[in-house]
Amino acid sequence: MAIDPVMAEELATTYGAALYGFCRKLAFTRQDADDLYQQTFLRLLAMPARVDLNDNPRGVPDGHRRPHLG
């Protein structure tokens, strides 16, 4: 079973700006960042419905975040 489109939209609304900012840091061009952002959400739609909004959907376990160095 794939991710519910309503849940995907909620994730995009909640985390879309942060994800896009991360894509911009990874990519050399805005177009590459746009492509990476789109590919990320396409993968989200195809993955099994196992995203738990109560369990840190950013993928970094609480307490295990690296300190910001600058």
N, C-alpha and C. Protein backbone atom coordinates (compact mmCIF):
# COMPACT_ATOMS: atom_id res chain seq x y z
N MET A 1 0.84 -1.18 0.00
CA MET A 1 0.00 0.00 0.00
C MET A 1 0.89 1.24 0.00
N ALA A 2 0.63 2.16 -0.88
CA ALA A 2 1.43 3.39 -1.00
C ALA A 2 0.95 4.44 -0.01
N ILE A 3 1.77 5.46 0.14
CA ILE A 3 1.43 6.59 1.01
C ILE A 3 0.14 7.23 0.50
N ASP A 4 -0.74 7.56 1.41
CA ASP A 4 -1.99 8.24 1.09
C ASP A 4 -1.65 9.63 0.54
N PRO A 5 -2.24 10.03 -0.59
CA PRO A 5 -1.96 11.36 -1.15
C PRO A 5 -2.23 12.50 -0.18
N VAL A 6 -3.21 12.34 0.70
CA VAL A 6 -3.52 13.38 1.69
C VAL A 6 -2.34 13.51 2.67
N MET A 7 -1.79 12.36 3.09
CA MET A 7 -0.64 12.39 3.99
C MET A 7 0.57 13.00 3.27
N ALA A 8 0.76 12.66 2.01
CA ALA A 8 1.87 13.22 1.24
C ALA A 8 1.74 14.73 1.14
N GLU A 9 0.53 15.21 0.93
CA GLU A 9 0.31 16.65 0.86
C GLU A 9 0.60 17.31 2.21
N GLU A 10 0.19 16.66 3.29
CA GLU A 10 0.47 17.18 4.63
C GLU A 10 1.97 17.25 4.88
N LEU A 11 2.70 16.21 4.47
CA LEU A 11 4.15 16.21 4.63
C LEU A 11 4.80 17.31 3.79
N ALA A 12 4.30 17.49 2.56
CA ALA A 12 4.84 18.54 1.69
C ALA A 12 4.59 19.92 2.27
N THR A 13 3.41 20.12 2.84
CA THR A 13 3.08 21.41 3.44
C THR A 13 3.94 21.67 4.68
N THR A 14 4.11 20.65 5.49
CA THR A 14 4.84 20.80 6.74
C THR A 14 6.36 20.88 6.54
N TYR A 15 6.89 20.02 5.66
CA TYR A 15 8.34 19.90 5.54
C TYR A 15 8.89 20.32 4.18
N GLY A 16 8.02 20.76 3.28
CA GLY A 16 8.45 21.09 1.93
C GLY A 16 9.50 22.18 1.86
N ALA A 17 9.33 23.24 2.60
CA ALA A 17 10.30 24.35 2.55
C ALA A 17 11.67 23.90 3.08
N ALA A 18 11.68 23.16 4.17
CA ALA A 18 12.94 22.66 4.72
C ALA A 18 13.60 21.69 3.76
N LEU A 19 12.81 20.81 3.15
CA LEU A 19 13.35 19.86 2.19
C LEU A 19 13.92 20.58 0.98
N TYR A 20 13.21 21.58 0.50
CA TYR A 20 13.70 22.32 -0.67
C TYR A 20 15.01 23.04 -0.34
N GLY A 21 15.09 23.61 0.86
CA GLY A 21 16.34 24.24 1.28
C GLY A 21 17.49 23.26 1.32
N PHE A 22 17.21 22.05 1.78
CA PHE A 22 18.23 21.00 1.81
C PHE A 22 18.63 20.62 0.38
N CYS A 23 17.66 20.50 -0.51
CA CYS A 23 17.95 20.19 -1.91
C CYS A 23 18.82 21.27 -2.54
N ARG A 24 18.56 22.53 -2.20
CA ARG A 24 19.36 23.63 -2.73
C ARG A 24 20.81 23.53 -2.26
N LYS A 25 21.01 23.08 -1.03
CA LYS A 25 22.37 22.93 -0.51
C LYS A 25 23.10 21.78 -1.21
N LEU A 26 22.36 20.74 -1.58
CA LEU A 26 22.98 19.58 -2.23
C LEU A 26 23.26 19.80 -3.71
N ALA A 27 22.40 20.54 -4.36
CA ALA A 27 22.46 20.68 -5.82
C ALA A 27 23.28 21.90 -6.22
N PHE A 28 23.85 21.81 -7.41
CA PHE A 28 24.66 22.92 -7.92
C PHE A 28 23.81 23.99 -8.59
N THR A 29 22.65 23.61 -9.10
CA THR A 29 21.80 24.57 -9.78
C THR A 29 20.38 24.50 -9.22
N ARG A 30 19.63 25.56 -9.46
CA ARG A 30 18.23 25.58 -9.02
C ARG A 30 17.43 24.48 -9.72
N GLN A 31 17.72 24.25 -10.99
CA GLN A 31 17.00 23.20 -11.74
C GLN A 31 17.28 21.83 -11.13
N ASP A 32 18.55 21.57 -10.76
CA ASP A 32 18.87 20.29 -10.13
C ASP A 32 18.16 20.16 -8.78
N ALA A 33 18.08 21.26 -8.03
CA ALA A 33 17.37 21.24 -6.75
C ALA A 33 15.89 20.97 -6.96
N ASP A 34 15.30 21.58 -7.96
CA ASP A 34 13.89 21.33 -8.28
C ASP A 34 13.65 19.86 -8.62
N ASP A 35 14.55 19.30 -9.43
CA ASP A 35 14.43 17.90 -9.82
C ASP A 35 14.56 16.98 -8.60
N LEU A 36 15.53 17.26 -7.75
CA LEU A 36 15.74 16.46 -6.55
C LEU A 36 14.53 16.53 -5.62
N TYR A 37 13.98 17.72 -5.46
CA TYR A 37 12.79 17.90 -4.63
C TYR A 37 11.62 17.08 -5.18
N GLN A 38 11.41 17.17 -6.49
CA GLN A 38 10.32 16.43 -7.11
C GLN A 38 10.54 14.93 -6.98
N GLN A 39 11.75 14.47 -7.22
CA GLN A 39 12.04 13.04 -7.12
C GLN A 39 11.82 12.52 -5.70
N THR A 40 12.14 13.35 -4.72
CA THR A 40 11.94 12.95 -3.33
C THR A 40 10.46 12.69 -3.06
N PHE A 41 9.60 13.59 -3.50
CA PHE A 41 8.17 13.40 -3.24
C PHE A 41 7.58 12.28 -4.10
N LEU A 42 8.10 12.05 -5.29
CA LEU A 42 7.64 10.92 -6.08
C LEU A 42 8.00 9.60 -5.39
N ARG A 43 9.17 9.54 -4.80
CA ARG A 43 9.56 8.34 -4.04
C ARG A 43 8.67 8.17 -2.82
N LEU A 44 8.34 9.28 -2.17
CA LEU A 44 7.46 9.23 -1.01
C LEU A 44 6.11 8.62 -1.39
N LEU A 45 5.57 9.05 -2.53
CA LEU A 45 4.27 8.52 -2.97
C LEU A 45 4.33 7.03 -3.28
N ALA A 46 5.49 6.55 -3.70
CA ALA A 46 5.62 5.14 -4.09
C ALA A 46 5.99 4.23 -2.92
N MET A 47 6.47 4.81 -1.82
CA MET A 47 6.92 3.96 -0.72
C MET A 47 5.74 3.41 0.08
N PRO A 48 5.97 2.29 0.76
CA PRO A 48 4.89 1.73 1.59
C PRO A 48 4.44 2.73 2.65
N ALA A 49 3.21 2.63 3.04
CA ALA A 49 2.63 3.56 4.03
C ALA A 49 3.21 3.26 5.41
N ARG A 50 4.38 3.81 5.68
CA ARG A 50 5.00 3.58 6.97
C ARG A 50 5.56 4.86 7.58
N VAL A 51 5.16 6.01 7.08
CA VAL A 51 5.59 7.27 7.66
C VAL A 51 4.75 7.55 8.88
N ASP A 52 5.40 7.72 10.01
CA ASP A 52 4.71 8.01 11.27
C ASP A 52 4.99 9.46 11.62
N LEU A 53 4.00 10.32 11.49
CA LEU A 53 4.18 11.74 11.76
C LEU A 53 4.57 12.02 13.20
N ASN A 54 4.32 11.06 14.10
CA ASN A 54 4.68 11.23 15.50
C ASN A 54 6.08 10.72 15.81
N ASP A 55 6.77 10.21 14.79
CA ASP A 55 8.09 9.61 15.01
C ASP A 55 9.14 10.27 14.13
N ASN A 56 9.25 11.58 14.19
CA ASN A 56 10.29 12.36 13.53
C ASN A 56 10.45 12.01 12.05
N PRO A 57 9.56 12.49 11.17
CA PRO A 57 9.63 12.15 9.76
C PRO A 57 10.84 12.71 9.03
N ARG A 58 11.64 13.54 9.66
CA ARG A 58 12.85 14.04 9.01
C ARG A 58 13.92 12.96 8.93
N GLY A 59 13.75 11.88 9.63
CA GLY A 59 14.68 10.77 9.50
C GLY A 59 15.88 10.85 10.42
N VAL A 60 15.91 11.81 11.33
CA VAL A 60 17.02 11.92 12.26
C VAL A 60 16.48 11.59 13.64
N PRO A 61 16.98 10.50 14.25
CA PRO A 61 16.47 10.16 15.58
C PRO A 61 16.69 11.30 16.56
N ASP A 62 15.69 11.60 17.36
CA ASP A 62 15.83 12.64 18.38
C ASP A 62 17.01 12.31 19.28
N GLY A 63 17.77 13.32 19.62
CA GLY A 63 18.94 13.11 20.46
C GLY A 63 20.19 12.73 19.68
N HIS A 64 20.05 12.50 18.38
CA HIS A 64 21.19 12.10 17.57
C HIS A 64 21.51 13.13 16.50
N ARG A 65 21.06 14.33 16.67
CA ARG A 65 21.32 15.37 15.70
C ARG A 65 22.75 15.87 15.87
N ARG A 66 23.40 16.12 14.75
CA ARG A 66 24.74 16.69 14.81
C ARG A 66 24.63 18.17 15.15
N PRO A 67 25.54 18.68 15.94
CA PRO A 67 25.47 20.12 16.24
C PRO A 67 25.74 20.94 15.00
N HIS A 68 25.08 22.09 14.93
CA HIS A 68 25.27 23.00 13.79
C HIS A 68 26.63 23.67 13.95
N LEU A 69 27.45 23.56 12.92
CA LEU A 69 28.81 24.08 13.02
C LEU A 69 29.03 25.37 12.25
N GLY A 70 27.99 26.01 11.86
CA GLY A 70 28.32 27.23 11.27
C GLY A 70 27.48 27.89 10.36
